[in-house]
Amino acid sequence: MAAPEEHDSPTEAPQPAVGEEETKTFKDLGVTDVLCEACDQLGWTKPTKIQIEAIPLALQGRDIIGLAETGSGKTGAFALPILNALLETPQRLFALVLTPTRELAFQISEQFEALGSSIGVQSAVIVGGIDSDTYLVYILNELAGNSFMIFCSTCNNTQRTALLLRNLGFTAIPLHGQMSQSKRLGSLNKFKAKARSILLATDVASRGLDIPHVDVVVNFDIPTHSKDYIHRVGRTARAGRSGKAITFVTQYDVELFQRIEHLIGKKLPVFPTEDDEVMMLTERVTEAQRFARMELREHGEKKKRTREDAGDNDDTEGAIGVRNKVAGGKMKKRKGH
């Protein structure tokens, strides 16, 4: 939302009185009726603390800096005022949201479209450079025939990447903390039995698991703690076998990567890639990303309707129809490279 031309001196956000959070509604905060109905449809029965403090000020056009923990409703705290302002002054191009990661960009986009579904809101997501997803697919093709453990930092990215790879024909399966214990054991057993060649996991799988046949460990999201790197790469080269570990490093990860190199006492070599070959994968990977987001959204809606376990979609073949829409099925490694 555009900043006002004139800035008042900063003022502290009013603190809600005791019990105020329980009695406030989105309508009390000044949110228009159609958006209040959208909140009801999403299961937002009452505003959170950050929303109570931020939304009234945002609706006044004030500049805001907000700090709150994950899952506290920060996206709604700025999305609702933006949509409210859009309804008051409709125009085709209205707001720009900047995020530090591509995953968060997609999550926020989906939140805007869900809140604005009844008023026809559309959002576009733009990420810079060649997406790390494309490089991941390139590496899987280059090292085809190996078993992989791919570590992600969040449950959502683990699930999304598993769906992305399945849509491209890879036998990938997720393992993360939002899955039930039985689902996690099922995923692990399928990987150990070599029924699946790619296990995507959070750090729940970095320790204490005896998986003797892991050929390649991929740190798709670099670990924030250097010691977690040791535990992750320790999943490969076990019992005297050889193995390989590959870590994705963005411009935001350089300091973390340097800490890892300092801990292990060596400089890690660059994994060789052919950018022209990576670029050739971009179109198909982008299509698979779109289908993966659709499946995640559909699963989220299903979970809200049925209150099923968050991990119930860990290894279903329900995506086969979507997967067939991604032209060509599984990508084969080209001869002569």
Foldseek 3Di string as FASTA:
>chain_A
DDADPDADPDDDFDADDVPRQVVAAVVNLVQDPLLSVLCVVVVNGGAFRLLSRQQNCVLVRHDDDDDDDPPRCPLVSNLRSQVRVCVVPPDDDGDDDDDPDQVVQLVSQVVNCSSCVVVPDHDDGDDDDQDLLLVVLVVCQVPPPAAEEEEDADPVVLLLSQQLVVLQAAQEFEAEDLFDPVLNVVRVVCVLVVVHRYYYYYLVPLDDDQRARHAEYEHSDQDQDLVSVVSRVVNPCPPNRHHYYYYDADPVCVVVVVVNCVVVVHDDDDDDDDVVVSVVCRVLSVLSSVLSSVVVVVLVVVCVVPVDRPCPVRRDCPCVVVSPVRPPHHDHRDPPD
